[in-house]
N, C-alpha and C. Protein backbone atom coordinates (compact mmCIF):
# COMPACT_ATOMS: atom_id res chain seq x y z
N MET A 1 0.85 -1.17 0.00
CA MET A 1 0.00 0.00 0.00
C MET A 1 0.90 1.23 0.00
N ASP A 2 0.87 1.90 -1.13
CA ASP A 2 1.70 3.09 -1.25
C ASP A 2 1.06 4.02 -2.27
N VAL A 3 1.73 5.11 -2.55
CA VAL A 3 1.28 6.06 -3.55
C VAL A 3 2.40 6.27 -4.56
N ILE A 4 2.03 6.74 -5.72
CA ILE A 4 3.03 7.10 -6.74
C ILE A 4 3.34 8.57 -6.52
N LYS A 5 4.57 8.86 -6.19
CA LYS A 5 4.95 10.25 -5.91
C LYS A 5 5.37 10.95 -7.20
N LEU A 6 4.68 12.02 -7.51
CA LEU A 6 4.92 12.75 -8.75
C LEU A 6 5.36 14.19 -8.52
N ASN A 7 5.53 14.57 -7.26
CA ASN A 7 5.79 15.98 -6.93
C ASN A 7 7.11 16.51 -7.49
N LYS A 8 8.05 15.64 -7.81
CA LYS A 8 9.33 16.10 -8.36
C LYS A 8 9.27 16.31 -9.88
N LEU A 9 8.19 15.84 -10.49
CA LEU A 9 8.03 15.98 -11.94
C LEU A 9 7.21 17.23 -12.24
N THR A 10 7.65 18.02 -13.21
CA THR A 10 6.93 19.23 -13.56
C THR A 10 6.14 19.06 -14.86
N ASP A 11 6.60 18.20 -15.75
CA ASP A 11 5.93 17.98 -17.03
C ASP A 11 4.70 17.10 -16.81
N PRO A 12 3.49 17.61 -17.11
CA PRO A 12 2.28 16.82 -16.86
C PRO A 12 2.23 15.52 -17.66
N TYR A 13 2.82 15.52 -18.85
CA TYR A 13 2.80 14.30 -19.66
C TYR A 13 3.78 13.26 -19.12
N LEU A 14 4.86 13.71 -18.54
CA LEU A 14 5.80 12.79 -17.91
C LEU A 14 5.16 12.16 -16.66
N LYS A 15 4.32 12.93 -15.98
CA LYS A 15 3.58 12.39 -14.84
C LYS A 15 2.65 11.26 -15.29
N LEU A 16 1.96 11.48 -16.41
CA LEU A 16 1.05 10.45 -16.93
C LEU A 16 1.82 9.21 -17.35
N LYS A 17 2.96 9.40 -17.97
CA LYS A 17 3.81 8.27 -18.37
C LYS A 17 4.26 7.49 -17.12
N THR A 18 4.63 8.21 -16.09
CA THR A 18 5.06 7.57 -14.84
C THR A 18 3.93 6.75 -14.23
N ILE A 19 2.72 7.28 -14.24
CA ILE A 19 1.56 6.54 -13.72
C ILE A 19 1.34 5.28 -14.55
N PHE A 20 1.38 5.41 -15.87
CA PHE A 20 1.18 4.26 -16.76
C PHE A 20 2.21 3.18 -16.47
N GLU A 21 3.47 3.56 -16.39
CA GLU A 21 4.55 2.59 -16.14
C GLU A 21 4.43 1.97 -14.75
N ALA A 22 4.05 2.76 -13.76
CA ALA A 22 3.90 2.23 -12.41
C ALA A 22 2.77 1.21 -12.34
N VAL A 23 1.65 1.51 -12.98
CA VAL A 23 0.52 0.58 -13.00
C VAL A 23 0.91 -0.69 -13.75
N LEU A 24 1.59 -0.56 -14.87
CA LEU A 24 2.07 -1.75 -15.59
C LEU A 24 2.99 -2.58 -14.70
N GLY A 25 3.86 -1.93 -13.97
CA GLY A 25 4.77 -2.64 -13.06
C GLY A 25 4.02 -3.40 -11.97
N ILE A 26 3.00 -2.78 -11.42
CA ILE A 26 2.17 -3.43 -10.40
C ILE A 26 1.45 -4.63 -11.00
N ILE A 27 0.93 -4.46 -12.21
CA ILE A 27 0.24 -5.56 -12.89
C ILE A 27 1.20 -6.73 -13.14
N GLU A 28 2.39 -6.41 -13.62
CA GLU A 28 3.37 -7.47 -13.91
C GLU A 28 3.83 -8.17 -12.63
N LYS A 29 3.94 -7.43 -11.55
CA LYS A 29 4.41 -8.01 -10.29
C LYS A 29 3.34 -8.88 -9.62
N TYR A 30 2.11 -8.37 -9.54
CA TYR A 30 1.07 -9.05 -8.76
C TYR A 30 0.08 -9.85 -9.60
N LYS A 31 0.06 -9.65 -10.90
CA LYS A 31 -0.80 -10.40 -11.82
C LYS A 31 -2.28 -10.41 -11.41
N PRO A 32 -2.87 -9.23 -11.24
CA PRO A 32 -4.29 -9.19 -10.85
C PRO A 32 -5.21 -9.67 -11.96
N ASP A 33 -6.37 -10.15 -11.58
CA ASP A 33 -7.39 -10.58 -12.55
C ASP A 33 -8.25 -9.42 -13.00
N GLU A 34 -8.37 -8.40 -12.14
CA GLU A 34 -9.26 -7.28 -12.42
C GLU A 34 -8.65 -6.01 -11.84
N LEU A 35 -9.09 -4.86 -12.38
CA LEU A 35 -8.69 -3.57 -11.83
C LEU A 35 -9.95 -2.86 -11.35
N ALA A 36 -9.95 -2.44 -10.12
CA ALA A 36 -11.05 -1.64 -9.58
C ALA A 36 -10.51 -0.23 -9.36
N ILE A 37 -11.31 0.75 -9.75
CA ILE A 37 -10.87 2.13 -9.64
C ILE A 37 -12.03 3.00 -9.17
N GLU A 38 -11.69 4.07 -8.48
CA GLU A 38 -12.70 5.01 -8.02
C GLU A 38 -13.09 5.90 -9.19
N SER A 39 -14.40 6.04 -9.41
CA SER A 39 -14.85 6.93 -10.48
C SER A 39 -14.64 8.37 -10.06
N GLN A 40 -14.69 9.24 -11.03
CA GLN A 40 -14.47 10.66 -10.73
C GLN A 40 -15.59 11.21 -9.88
N PHE A 41 -15.23 12.13 -9.03
CA PHE A 41 -16.21 12.84 -8.24
C PHE A 41 -16.23 14.27 -8.73
N PHE A 42 -17.32 14.96 -8.52
CA PHE A 42 -17.45 16.32 -9.00
C PHE A 42 -17.02 17.29 -7.92
N GLY A 43 -15.87 17.90 -8.14
CA GLY A 43 -15.36 18.87 -7.20
C GLY A 43 -15.57 20.28 -7.73
N LYS A 44 -15.08 21.23 -6.99
CA LYS A 44 -15.25 22.63 -7.38
C LYS A 44 -14.17 23.06 -8.36
N ASN A 45 -13.00 22.40 -8.34
CA ASN A 45 -11.90 22.80 -9.18
C ASN A 45 -11.88 21.96 -10.46
N VAL A 46 -12.26 22.56 -11.56
CA VAL A 46 -12.36 21.85 -12.83
C VAL A 46 -10.99 21.37 -13.29
N GLN A 47 -9.95 22.15 -13.09
CA GLN A 47 -8.60 21.75 -13.50
C GLN A 47 -8.15 20.49 -12.75
N SER A 48 -8.45 20.41 -11.47
CA SER A 48 -8.10 19.21 -10.70
C SER A 48 -8.85 17.99 -11.21
N MET A 49 -10.12 18.19 -11.57
CA MET A 49 -10.91 17.08 -12.11
C MET A 49 -10.34 16.59 -13.43
N LEU A 50 -9.91 17.51 -14.28
CA LEU A 50 -9.33 17.12 -15.57
C LEU A 50 -8.03 16.35 -15.37
N LYS A 51 -7.19 16.81 -14.45
CA LYS A 51 -5.93 16.12 -14.17
C LYS A 51 -6.19 14.72 -13.61
N LEU A 52 -7.14 14.62 -12.70
CA LEU A 52 -7.48 13.32 -12.12
C LEU A 52 -8.03 12.38 -13.19
N GLY A 53 -8.86 12.92 -14.07
CA GLY A 53 -9.42 12.11 -15.16
C GLY A 53 -8.34 11.56 -16.07
N ARG A 54 -7.35 12.38 -16.36
CA ARG A 54 -6.23 11.90 -17.19
C ARG A 54 -5.45 10.81 -16.47
N ALA A 55 -5.19 11.02 -15.19
CA ALA A 55 -4.46 10.02 -14.41
C ALA A 55 -5.23 8.69 -14.37
N GLN A 56 -6.53 8.78 -14.13
CA GLN A 56 -7.35 7.57 -14.13
C GLN A 56 -7.34 6.92 -15.50
N GLY A 57 -7.37 7.73 -16.54
CA GLY A 57 -7.38 7.20 -17.90
C GLY A 57 -6.13 6.40 -18.22
N VAL A 58 -4.97 6.89 -17.80
CA VAL A 58 -3.75 6.11 -18.09
C VAL A 58 -3.67 4.85 -17.24
N ALA A 59 -4.19 4.90 -16.01
CA ALA A 59 -4.23 3.69 -15.18
C ALA A 59 -5.16 2.65 -15.80
N ILE A 60 -6.30 3.10 -16.27
CA ILE A 60 -7.25 2.21 -16.94
C ILE A 60 -6.63 1.67 -18.23
N SER A 61 -5.95 2.53 -18.97
CA SER A 61 -5.29 2.09 -20.21
C SER A 61 -4.25 1.01 -19.94
N ALA A 62 -3.51 1.15 -18.87
CA ALA A 62 -2.50 0.14 -18.53
C ALA A 62 -3.18 -1.22 -18.29
N ALA A 63 -4.30 -1.20 -17.58
CA ALA A 63 -5.03 -2.45 -17.33
C ALA A 63 -5.56 -3.03 -18.63
N LEU A 64 -6.16 -2.19 -19.44
CA LEU A 64 -6.71 -2.68 -20.71
C LEU A 64 -5.61 -3.17 -21.65
N TYR A 65 -4.44 -2.54 -21.60
CA TYR A 65 -3.30 -2.96 -22.40
C TYR A 65 -2.91 -4.40 -22.05
N LYS A 66 -3.10 -4.77 -20.80
CA LYS A 66 -2.81 -6.13 -20.33
C LYS A 66 -4.05 -7.01 -20.32
N SER A 67 -5.11 -6.56 -20.97
CA SER A 67 -6.38 -7.31 -21.09
C SER A 67 -7.02 -7.62 -19.75
N ILE A 68 -6.92 -6.68 -18.84
CA ILE A 68 -7.50 -6.82 -17.52
C ILE A 68 -8.80 -6.02 -17.48
N PRO A 69 -9.92 -6.66 -17.10
CA PRO A 69 -11.18 -5.92 -17.03
C PRO A 69 -11.15 -4.85 -15.92
N VAL A 70 -11.88 -3.78 -16.16
CA VAL A 70 -11.89 -2.63 -15.25
C VAL A 70 -13.28 -2.46 -14.66
N PHE A 71 -13.33 -2.19 -13.36
CA PHE A 71 -14.58 -1.94 -12.65
C PHE A 71 -14.45 -0.60 -11.92
N GLU A 72 -15.49 0.21 -12.01
CA GLU A 72 -15.48 1.53 -11.39
C GLU A 72 -16.52 1.62 -10.29
N TYR A 73 -16.15 2.28 -9.21
CA TYR A 73 -17.07 2.49 -8.09
C TYR A 73 -17.03 3.95 -7.68
N SER A 74 -18.19 4.50 -7.37
CA SER A 74 -18.25 5.90 -6.94
C SER A 74 -17.66 6.02 -5.54
N PRO A 75 -17.14 7.19 -5.20
CA PRO A 75 -16.60 7.39 -3.86
C PRO A 75 -17.65 7.05 -2.78
N ARG A 76 -18.89 7.42 -3.02
CA ARG A 76 -19.96 7.15 -2.07
C ARG A 76 -20.17 5.65 -1.89
N LYS A 77 -20.17 4.90 -2.99
CA LYS A 77 -20.35 3.44 -2.95
C LYS A 77 -19.21 2.79 -2.16
N ILE A 78 -18.00 3.26 -2.38
CA ILE A 78 -16.84 2.71 -1.68
C ILE A 78 -16.96 2.96 -0.18
N LYS A 79 -17.23 4.20 0.19
CA LYS A 79 -17.36 4.55 1.61
C LYS A 79 -18.48 3.77 2.26
N GLN A 80 -19.59 3.63 1.55
CA GLN A 80 -20.74 2.92 2.09
C GLN A 80 -20.43 1.44 2.28
N SER A 81 -19.72 0.84 1.33
CA SER A 81 -19.44 -0.59 1.46
C SER A 81 -18.42 -0.87 2.56
N ILE A 82 -17.55 0.09 2.86
CA ILE A 82 -16.54 -0.10 3.90
C ILE A 82 -17.07 0.26 5.28
N THR A 83 -17.75 1.40 5.38
CA THR A 83 -18.17 1.88 6.70
C THR A 83 -19.66 1.78 6.96
N GLY A 84 -20.44 1.56 5.89
CA GLY A 84 -21.89 1.57 6.03
C GLY A 84 -22.48 2.96 5.89
N LYS A 85 -21.62 3.95 5.66
CA LYS A 85 -22.07 5.34 5.56
C LYS A 85 -21.39 5.98 4.34
N GLY A 86 -22.17 6.39 3.36
CA GLY A 86 -21.64 6.96 2.14
C GLY A 86 -20.95 8.30 2.30
N SER A 87 -21.18 8.95 3.42
CA SER A 87 -20.55 10.26 3.66
C SER A 87 -19.39 10.16 4.65
N ALA A 88 -18.86 8.97 4.85
CA ALA A 88 -17.76 8.78 5.79
C ALA A 88 -16.53 9.57 5.37
N THR A 89 -15.71 9.93 6.33
CA THR A 89 -14.47 10.65 6.04
C THR A 89 -13.39 9.66 5.63
N LYS A 90 -12.31 10.18 5.07
CA LYS A 90 -11.16 9.34 4.72
C LYS A 90 -10.62 8.64 5.97
N GLU A 91 -10.61 9.35 7.07
CA GLU A 91 -10.11 8.78 8.32
C GLU A 91 -10.99 7.64 8.81
N GLN A 92 -12.30 7.78 8.68
CA GLN A 92 -13.22 6.71 9.08
C GLN A 92 -13.04 5.48 8.19
N VAL A 93 -12.85 5.70 6.90
CA VAL A 93 -12.61 4.59 5.98
C VAL A 93 -11.31 3.88 6.36
N ALA A 94 -10.27 4.65 6.63
CA ALA A 94 -8.97 4.08 7.00
C ALA A 94 -9.08 3.25 8.28
N LEU A 95 -9.80 3.76 9.27
CA LEU A 95 -9.95 3.03 10.53
C LEU A 95 -10.73 1.72 10.34
N MET A 96 -11.78 1.77 9.55
CA MET A 96 -12.56 0.55 9.31
C MET A 96 -11.74 -0.45 8.51
N LEU A 97 -11.00 0.01 7.53
CA LEU A 97 -10.14 -0.90 6.75
C LEU A 97 -9.10 -1.56 7.64
N ALA A 98 -8.58 -0.81 8.60
CA ALA A 98 -7.59 -1.38 9.52
C ALA A 98 -8.19 -2.56 10.29
N ARG A 99 -9.47 -2.48 10.58
CA ARG A 99 -10.15 -3.59 11.27
C ARG A 99 -10.47 -4.74 10.33
N ILE A 100 -10.92 -4.41 9.12
CA ILE A 100 -11.35 -5.43 8.17
C ILE A 100 -10.18 -6.28 7.70
N VAL A 101 -9.07 -5.65 7.37
CA VAL A 101 -7.94 -6.39 6.80
C VAL A 101 -6.73 -6.43 7.73
N SER A 102 -6.93 -6.12 8.98
CA SER A 102 -5.88 -6.20 9.99
C SER A 102 -4.62 -5.43 9.62
N ILE A 103 -4.79 -4.16 9.30
CA ILE A 103 -3.63 -3.30 9.03
C ILE A 103 -3.01 -2.92 10.37
N GLU A 104 -1.76 -3.31 10.56
CA GLU A 104 -1.10 -3.00 11.82
C GLU A 104 -0.49 -1.61 11.82
N VAL A 105 0.06 -1.21 10.67
CA VAL A 105 0.68 0.10 10.57
C VAL A 105 -0.06 0.88 9.49
N GLN A 106 -0.61 2.02 9.88
CA GLN A 106 -1.32 2.85 8.93
C GLN A 106 -0.33 3.43 7.92
N PRO A 107 -0.68 3.45 6.64
CA PRO A 107 0.21 4.06 5.65
C PRO A 107 0.34 5.55 5.89
N GLU A 108 1.38 6.12 5.34
CA GLU A 108 1.65 7.55 5.52
C GLU A 108 0.58 8.42 4.88
N TYR A 109 0.01 7.96 3.76
CA TYR A 109 -0.96 8.75 3.02
C TYR A 109 -2.33 8.09 3.03
N LEU A 110 -3.38 8.89 3.24
CA LEU A 110 -4.74 8.35 3.20
C LEU A 110 -5.13 7.93 1.79
N ASP A 111 -4.44 8.45 0.77
CA ASP A 111 -4.72 8.01 -0.59
C ASP A 111 -4.44 6.51 -0.75
N ALA A 112 -3.48 6.00 -0.01
CA ALA A 112 -3.16 4.57 -0.07
C ALA A 112 -4.32 3.76 0.52
N THR A 113 -4.90 4.22 1.62
CA THR A 113 -6.04 3.49 2.17
C THR A 113 -7.28 3.68 1.30
N ASP A 114 -7.36 4.81 0.59
CA ASP A 114 -8.46 4.99 -0.37
C ASP A 114 -8.39 3.88 -1.43
N ALA A 115 -7.20 3.62 -1.92
CA ALA A 115 -7.03 2.58 -2.94
C ALA A 115 -7.39 1.21 -2.38
N LEU A 116 -6.99 0.95 -1.16
CA LEU A 116 -7.36 -0.32 -0.51
C LEU A 116 -8.87 -0.39 -0.36
N GLY A 117 -9.50 0.74 -0.05
CA GLY A 117 -10.96 0.78 0.07
C GLY A 117 -11.65 0.40 -1.23
N VAL A 118 -11.10 0.84 -2.36
CA VAL A 118 -11.65 0.47 -3.67
C VAL A 118 -11.54 -1.04 -3.86
N ALA A 119 -10.38 -1.59 -3.51
CA ALA A 119 -10.16 -3.04 -3.67
C ALA A 119 -11.10 -3.84 -2.78
N VAL A 120 -11.26 -3.43 -1.54
CA VAL A 120 -12.14 -4.16 -0.63
C VAL A 120 -13.60 -4.02 -1.08
N CYS A 121 -13.99 -2.84 -1.51
CA CYS A 121 -15.34 -2.64 -2.05
C CYS A 121 -15.58 -3.59 -3.21
N HIS A 122 -14.62 -3.66 -4.11
CA HIS A 122 -14.75 -4.55 -5.27
C HIS A 122 -14.87 -6.00 -4.82
N TYR A 123 -14.07 -6.37 -3.85
CA TYR A 123 -14.14 -7.74 -3.31
C TYR A 123 -15.54 -8.01 -2.76
N PHE A 124 -16.05 -7.07 -1.98
CA PHE A 124 -17.40 -7.24 -1.43
C PHE A 124 -18.44 -7.35 -2.53
N GLN A 125 -18.30 -6.55 -3.56
CA GLN A 125 -19.31 -6.51 -4.61
C GLN A 125 -19.24 -7.69 -5.57
N LYS A 126 -18.04 -8.19 -5.87
CA LYS A 126 -17.90 -9.18 -6.92
C LYS A 126 -17.49 -10.58 -6.45
N SER A 127 -16.65 -10.67 -5.45
CA SER A 127 -16.02 -11.95 -5.14
C SER A 127 -16.50 -12.63 -3.88
N ALA A 128 -16.87 -11.86 -2.90
CA ALA A 128 -17.13 -12.45 -1.59
C ALA A 128 -18.42 -13.25 -1.51
N LEU A 129 -19.32 -12.99 -2.42
CA LEU A 129 -20.63 -13.61 -2.31
C LEU A 129 -20.85 -14.61 -3.43
N PRO A 130 -21.24 -15.82 -3.10
CA PRO A 130 -21.45 -16.82 -4.13
C PRO A 130 -22.56 -16.45 -5.11
N ASP A 131 -23.52 -15.65 -4.66
CA ASP A 131 -24.63 -15.28 -5.55
C ASP A 131 -24.26 -14.11 -6.48
N LYS A 132 -23.10 -13.52 -6.29
CA LYS A 132 -22.58 -12.43 -7.12
C LYS A 132 -23.50 -11.21 -7.15
N LYS A 133 -24.33 -11.05 -6.13
CA LYS A 133 -25.19 -9.88 -6.05
C LYS A 133 -24.38 -8.67 -5.62
N SER A 134 -24.86 -7.51 -5.97
CA SER A 134 -24.23 -6.27 -5.57
C SER A 134 -25.06 -5.66 -4.44
N TYR A 135 -24.38 -5.20 -3.40
CA TYR A 135 -25.06 -4.62 -2.24
C TYR A 135 -24.61 -3.19 -2.05
N THR A 136 -25.49 -2.36 -1.50
CA THR A 136 -25.18 -0.96 -1.29
C THR A 136 -24.46 -0.70 0.02
N GLY A 137 -24.39 -1.65 0.90
CA GLY A 137 -23.71 -1.47 2.18
C GLY A 137 -24.01 -2.64 3.10
N TRP A 138 -23.52 -2.52 4.33
CA TRP A 138 -23.68 -3.59 5.32
C TRP A 138 -25.15 -3.88 5.59
N LYS A 139 -25.94 -2.83 5.74
CA LYS A 139 -27.35 -3.02 6.06
C LYS A 139 -28.05 -3.83 4.96
N SER A 140 -27.78 -3.48 3.72
CA SER A 140 -28.36 -4.20 2.59
C SER A 140 -27.91 -5.66 2.58
N PHE A 141 -26.65 -5.89 2.88
CA PHE A 141 -26.12 -7.25 2.92
C PHE A 141 -26.82 -8.07 4.01
N VAL A 142 -26.93 -7.49 5.20
CA VAL A 142 -27.55 -8.19 6.34
C VAL A 142 -29.01 -8.51 6.04
N VAL A 143 -29.73 -7.55 5.51
CA VAL A 143 -31.15 -7.76 5.20
C VAL A 143 -31.32 -8.89 4.18
N ASN A 144 -30.44 -8.94 3.18
CA ASN A 144 -30.58 -9.91 2.10
C ASN A 144 -29.88 -11.24 2.36
N ASN A 145 -29.17 -11.36 3.49
CA ASN A 145 -28.43 -12.58 3.81
C ASN A 145 -28.53 -12.94 5.28
N PRO A 146 -29.74 -13.11 5.80
CA PRO A 146 -29.88 -13.37 7.24
C PRO A 146 -29.18 -14.65 7.70
N ALA A 147 -29.09 -15.65 6.85
CA ALA A 147 -28.46 -16.91 7.25
C ALA A 147 -26.94 -16.78 7.32
N ARG A 148 -26.37 -15.78 6.65
CA ARG A 148 -24.92 -15.61 6.63
C ARG A 148 -24.42 -14.72 7.76
N VAL A 149 -25.33 -14.05 8.44
CA VAL A 149 -24.96 -13.11 9.49
C VAL A 149 -25.43 -13.66 10.83
N LYS A 150 -24.54 -13.74 11.77
CA LYS A 150 -24.92 -14.27 13.09
C LYS A 150 -24.72 -13.25 14.17
């Protein structure tokens, strides 16, 4: 769990190349079956949204280049699946993830736990349930799976 540090790079296209190469490196090292990514959220700063969209685009391109399917989840869906509350803070998500996956040492950046949150959300939505149903959060899961919850 880490972040790609781009603060020393000034050329925006070199930053995108670095993201693409880093994602390819992660794919080659860990050989994932799928890529889960957080969809864009609507912020007040349009320039930040455009930069984030480009970064997401090259990460998605790296996965598609390796024929890996891509799944997108909204920030609200991710927070809801991890904490049960779609408006949870980054800190609340990080704390719940520490309990769910037994993180002993919190990463330096909350962006790293955000990425883990996307992965855990994807696991909950696609892999953890034999019926392959999608749930909006813990409450929905409990209501629809009374025999699985004790």
